[in-house]
N, C-alpha and C. Protein backbone atom coordinates (compact mmCIF):
# COMPACT_ATOMS: atom_id res chain seq x y z
N MET A 1 110.10 85.69 -47.78
CA MET A 1 110.12 86.84 -48.86
C MET A 1 109.02 86.69 -49.78
N SER A 2 108.27 87.71 -49.92
CA SER A 2 107.22 87.76 -50.91
C SER A 2 107.03 89.18 -51.64
N VAL A 3 106.33 89.18 -52.57
CA VAL A 3 106.21 90.46 -53.22
C VAL A 3 104.60 90.51 -53.32
N SER A 4 104.13 91.81 -53.16
CA SER A 4 102.67 91.89 -53.17
C SER A 4 102.14 92.88 -54.29
N ARG A 5 100.99 93.03 -54.41
CA ARG A 5 100.40 94.00 -55.54
C ARG A 5 100.72 95.33 -55.09
N ALA A 6 101.05 95.68 -53.91
CA ALA A 6 101.56 97.07 -53.55
C ALA A 6 102.84 97.27 -54.17
N ASP A 7 103.55 96.27 -54.60
CA ASP A 7 105.05 96.58 -55.34
C ASP A 7 104.66 96.88 -56.83
N LEU A 8 103.39 96.78 -57.29
CA LEU A 8 103.25 97.04 -58.65
C LEU A 8 102.86 98.52 -58.95
N PRO A 9 103.12 98.97 -60.09
CA PRO A 9 103.56 98.24 -61.28
C PRO A 9 105.06 98.01 -61.20
N LEU A 10 105.53 97.00 -61.73
CA LEU A 10 106.97 96.82 -61.71
C LEU A 10 107.56 97.69 -62.87
N GLN A 11 108.77 98.20 -62.61
CA GLN A 11 109.29 99.22 -63.44
C GLN A 11 110.60 98.74 -64.13
N LEU A 12 110.81 99.04 -65.35
CA LEU A 12 112.09 98.65 -66.09
C LEU A 12 113.01 100.00 -65.96
N HIS A 13 114.24 99.78 -65.72
CA HIS A 13 115.22 100.87 -65.72
C HIS A 13 116.39 100.46 -66.52
N PRO A 14 116.79 101.16 -67.55
CA PRO A 14 117.76 100.86 -68.47
C PRO A 14 119.16 100.97 -67.72
N VAL A 15 119.97 99.86 -67.89
CA VAL A 15 121.25 100.02 -67.28
C VAL A 15 122.36 99.95 -68.44
N SER A 16 121.91 99.38 -69.51
CA SER A 16 122.77 99.40 -70.74
C SER A 16 121.86 99.06 -71.96
N ALA A 17 122.45 99.06 -73.11
CA ALA A 17 121.67 98.70 -74.28
C ALA A 17 121.03 97.33 -74.14
N GLY A 18 121.63 96.36 -73.54
CA GLY A 18 121.16 95.05 -73.45
C GLY A 18 120.63 94.58 -72.08
N VAL A 19 120.53 95.56 -71.03
CA VAL A 19 120.16 95.11 -69.68
C VAL A 19 119.17 96.22 -69.17
N GLN A 20 117.97 95.68 -68.68
CA GLN A 20 117.06 96.43 -67.92
C GLN A 20 116.87 96.03 -66.53
N GLN A 21 116.94 96.86 -65.61
CA GLN A 21 116.71 96.46 -64.13
C GLN A 21 115.40 96.35 -63.92
N VAL A 22 114.84 95.37 -63.17
CA VAL A 22 113.31 95.21 -62.85
C VAL A 22 113.23 95.72 -61.36
N ARG A 23 112.48 96.74 -61.23
CA ARG A 23 112.30 97.29 -59.81
C ARG A 23 110.80 97.34 -59.37
N SER A 24 110.60 97.34 -58.13
CA SER A 24 109.08 97.44 -57.61
C SER A 24 108.93 99.08 -57.80
N VAL A 25 107.60 99.36 -57.46
CA VAL A 25 107.30 100.82 -57.62
C VAL A 25 108.08 101.49 -56.54
N HIS A 26 108.49 100.80 -55.55
CA HIS A 26 109.28 101.38 -54.20
C HIS A 26 110.70 101.49 -54.48
N GLY A 27 111.21 100.93 -55.76
CA GLY A 27 112.59 100.93 -56.14
C GLY A 27 113.37 99.84 -55.72
N GLU A 28 112.78 98.73 -55.02
CA GLU A 28 113.52 97.60 -54.66
C GLU A 28 113.72 96.66 -55.96
N VAL A 29 115.10 96.35 -56.04
CA VAL A 29 115.51 95.48 -57.23
C VAL A 29 115.02 94.07 -57.04
N PHE A 30 114.28 93.57 -58.03
CA PHE A 30 113.83 92.12 -58.23
C PHE A 30 114.64 91.35 -59.17
N GLY A 31 115.37 92.01 -60.12
CA GLY A 31 116.11 91.28 -61.14
C GLY A 31 116.51 92.19 -62.30
N GLN A 32 116.96 91.42 -63.36
CA GLN A 32 117.24 92.11 -64.61
C GLN A 32 116.79 91.28 -65.72
N ILE A 33 116.41 92.09 -66.88
CA ILE A 33 115.99 91.45 -68.21
C ILE A 33 117.33 91.78 -68.98
N LYS A 34 117.87 90.68 -69.65
CA LYS A 34 119.10 90.76 -70.30
C LYS A 34 118.84 90.33 -71.82
N TRP A 35 119.37 90.97 -72.81
CA TRP A 35 119.18 90.64 -74.15
C TRP A 35 120.35 89.54 -74.39
N ILE A 36 120.03 88.32 -74.59
CA ILE A 36 120.92 87.24 -74.81
C ILE A 36 120.59 86.38 -75.88
N ASP A 37 121.39 86.10 -76.95
CA ASP A 37 121.32 85.33 -78.01
C ASP A 37 119.86 85.73 -78.76
N GLY A 38 119.59 87.01 -78.90
CA GLY A 38 118.45 87.42 -79.68
C GLY A 38 117.18 87.41 -79.13
N ARG A 39 117.08 87.36 -77.79
CA ARG A 39 115.92 87.31 -76.90
C ARG A 39 116.17 87.97 -75.56
N TRP A 40 115.08 88.34 -74.98
CA TRP A 40 115.23 88.80 -73.53
C TRP A 40 114.98 87.79 -72.58
N LYS A 41 115.90 87.76 -71.47
CA LYS A 41 115.75 86.70 -70.57
C LYS A 41 115.85 87.36 -69.12
N PHE A 42 114.84 86.92 -68.37
CA PHE A 42 114.79 87.46 -66.89
C PHE A 42 115.84 86.65 -66.10
N LYS A 43 116.47 87.46 -65.23
CA LYS A 43 117.42 86.89 -64.35
C LYS A 43 117.00 87.59 -62.81
N ALA A 44 116.45 86.66 -62.06
CA ALA A 44 116.01 87.19 -60.69
C ALA A 44 117.26 87.44 -59.84
N LEU A 45 117.24 88.61 -59.09
CA LEU A 45 118.23 88.91 -58.17
C LEU A 45 117.50 89.21 -56.82
N TRP A 46 118.34 89.18 -55.76
CA TRP A 46 117.92 89.52 -54.40
C TRP A 46 119.04 89.77 -53.56
N ARG A 47 118.88 90.71 -52.59
CA ARG A 47 119.91 90.89 -51.70
C ARG A 47 119.61 89.94 -50.35
N ASP A 48 120.54 89.32 -49.95
CA ASP A 48 120.42 88.53 -48.69
C ASP A 48 120.66 89.52 -47.42
N ALA A 49 120.56 88.86 -46.20
CA ALA A 49 120.56 89.68 -45.02
C ALA A 49 121.90 90.32 -44.86
N GLU A 50 122.94 89.93 -45.53
CA GLU A 50 124.28 90.60 -45.56
C GLU A 50 124.35 91.59 -46.40
N GLY A 51 123.42 91.70 -47.38
CA GLY A 51 123.48 92.70 -48.47
C GLY A 51 124.12 92.19 -49.84
N ASP A 52 124.42 90.89 -49.83
CA ASP A 52 125.06 90.33 -51.08
C ASP A 52 123.94 89.99 -51.97
N TRP A 53 124.24 90.08 -53.26
CA TRP A 53 123.35 89.75 -54.38
C TRP A 53 123.32 88.21 -54.31
N VAL A 54 122.07 87.68 -54.49
CA VAL A 54 121.77 86.29 -54.79
C VAL A 54 121.11 86.11 -56.07
N PRO A 55 122.01 85.62 -57.15
CA PRO A 55 121.41 85.32 -58.40
C PRO A 55 120.34 84.19 -58.32
N GLY A 56 119.26 84.49 -59.07
CA GLY A 56 118.20 83.41 -59.05
C GLY A 56 117.30 83.50 -57.85
N GLY A 57 117.64 84.42 -56.93
CA GLY A 57 116.87 84.36 -55.72
C GLY A 57 115.90 85.61 -55.67
N GLY A 58 115.09 85.60 -54.68
CA GLY A 58 114.12 86.61 -54.39
C GLY A 58 112.70 86.28 -54.69
N PRO A 59 111.74 87.23 -54.57
CA PRO A 59 110.23 86.81 -54.82
C PRO A 59 109.97 86.50 -56.25
N LEU A 60 110.71 86.77 -57.30
CA LEU A 60 110.44 86.45 -58.58
C LEU A 60 111.27 85.13 -59.15
N THR A 61 111.73 84.38 -58.12
CA THR A 61 112.47 83.19 -58.58
C THR A 61 111.77 82.31 -59.58
N THR A 62 110.53 82.33 -59.44
CA THR A 62 109.70 81.44 -60.31
C THR A 62 109.77 81.84 -61.82
N CYS A 63 110.13 83.03 -62.04
CA CYS A 63 110.36 83.62 -63.37
C CYS A 63 111.74 83.58 -63.82
N HIS A 64 112.65 83.28 -62.97
CA HIS A 64 114.06 83.07 -63.24
C HIS A 64 114.47 82.37 -64.62
N ASN A 65 115.10 82.88 -65.40
CA ASN A 65 115.43 82.34 -66.85
C ASN A 65 114.24 82.34 -67.71
N THR A 66 113.16 82.94 -67.62
CA THR A 66 112.04 83.02 -68.49
C THR A 66 112.57 83.84 -69.71
N THR A 67 112.30 83.40 -70.85
CA THR A 67 112.66 84.27 -72.00
C THR A 67 111.39 84.45 -72.82
N LEU A 68 111.67 85.78 -73.65
CA LEU A 68 110.72 86.10 -74.53
C LEU A 68 111.36 86.35 -75.97
N ASP A 69 110.87 85.88 -76.98
CA ASP A 69 111.57 86.04 -78.30
C ASP A 69 111.30 87.46 -78.76
N SER A 70 110.30 88.10 -78.34
CA SER A 70 109.96 89.43 -78.83
C SER A 70 110.96 90.42 -78.26
N ALA A 71 111.32 91.42 -79.07
CA ALA A 71 112.15 92.42 -78.52
C ALA A 71 111.41 93.58 -77.69
N CYS A 72 110.05 93.38 -77.71
CA CYS A 72 109.08 94.44 -77.12
C CYS A 72 109.14 94.17 -75.45
N LEU A 73 109.82 95.12 -74.86
CA LEU A 73 109.85 95.20 -73.42
C LEU A 73 108.54 95.08 -72.62
N ALA A 74 107.49 95.69 -73.26
CA ALA A 74 106.30 95.97 -72.67
C ALA A 74 105.69 94.62 -72.29
N GLN A 75 105.94 93.58 -73.02
CA GLN A 75 105.49 92.16 -72.69
C GLN A 75 105.96 91.73 -71.34
N TRP A 76 107.05 92.18 -70.79
CA TRP A 76 107.68 91.74 -69.60
C TRP A 76 106.71 92.25 -68.43
N GLN A 77 105.92 93.36 -68.64
CA GLN A 77 105.09 93.79 -67.58
C GLN A 77 104.12 92.66 -67.27
N LEU A 78 103.59 92.19 -68.33
CA LEU A 78 102.51 90.90 -68.16
C LEU A 78 103.12 89.73 -67.54
N VAL A 79 104.29 89.18 -67.94
CA VAL A 79 104.96 88.11 -67.49
C VAL A 79 105.25 88.37 -66.02
N LEU A 80 105.93 89.37 -65.72
CA LEU A 80 106.47 89.56 -64.31
C LEU A 80 105.38 89.86 -63.27
N THR A 81 104.28 90.51 -63.78
CA THR A 81 103.02 90.82 -62.96
C THR A 81 102.41 89.43 -62.68
N LYS A 82 102.39 88.62 -63.57
CA LYS A 82 101.89 87.27 -63.28
C LYS A 82 102.64 86.63 -62.21
N GLY A 83 103.97 86.63 -62.28
CA GLY A 83 104.87 86.27 -61.29
C GLY A 83 104.60 86.72 -59.83
N VAL A 84 104.28 88.03 -59.85
CA VAL A 84 104.00 88.63 -58.63
C VAL A 84 102.57 88.16 -58.01
N ASN A 85 101.66 88.05 -58.88
CA ASN A 85 100.26 87.58 -58.53
C ASN A 85 100.46 86.14 -58.06
N ASP A 86 101.18 85.30 -58.78
CA ASP A 86 101.37 83.92 -58.35
C ASP A 86 101.99 83.67 -56.90
N SER A 87 102.91 84.66 -56.57
CA SER A 87 103.70 84.55 -55.39
C SER A 87 103.02 85.44 -54.21
N SER A 88 102.05 86.28 -54.51
CA SER A 88 101.54 87.10 -53.46
C SER A 88 100.59 86.41 -52.45
N THR A 89 100.76 86.83 -51.28
CA THR A 89 99.97 86.17 -50.26
C THR A 89 98.96 86.98 -49.59
N ASP A 90 98.81 88.18 -50.33
CA ASP A 90 97.87 89.12 -49.80
C ASP A 90 96.54 89.30 -50.55
N GLY A 91 96.18 88.24 -51.21
CA GLY A 91 94.92 88.10 -51.95
C GLY A 91 94.54 89.40 -52.72
């Protein structure tokens, strides 16, 4: 499983006041950003072959549990895009 630059830009979709879903440009879910203890925290998510959610799984696993002290969601675009570039295999 990998993610490519073709999946960019990653998009944030509000789920609730404290949760933003992270999706590829194609709508595939890569995880969630959650407001926990005064900071945003990324939680990687992925669906396995049976369609069940795998917490901490997927192509952005290396970003799982990354936190930002800033309330600015725009900074996540940089953090998660770096995660895509680090995991990309299509140069």
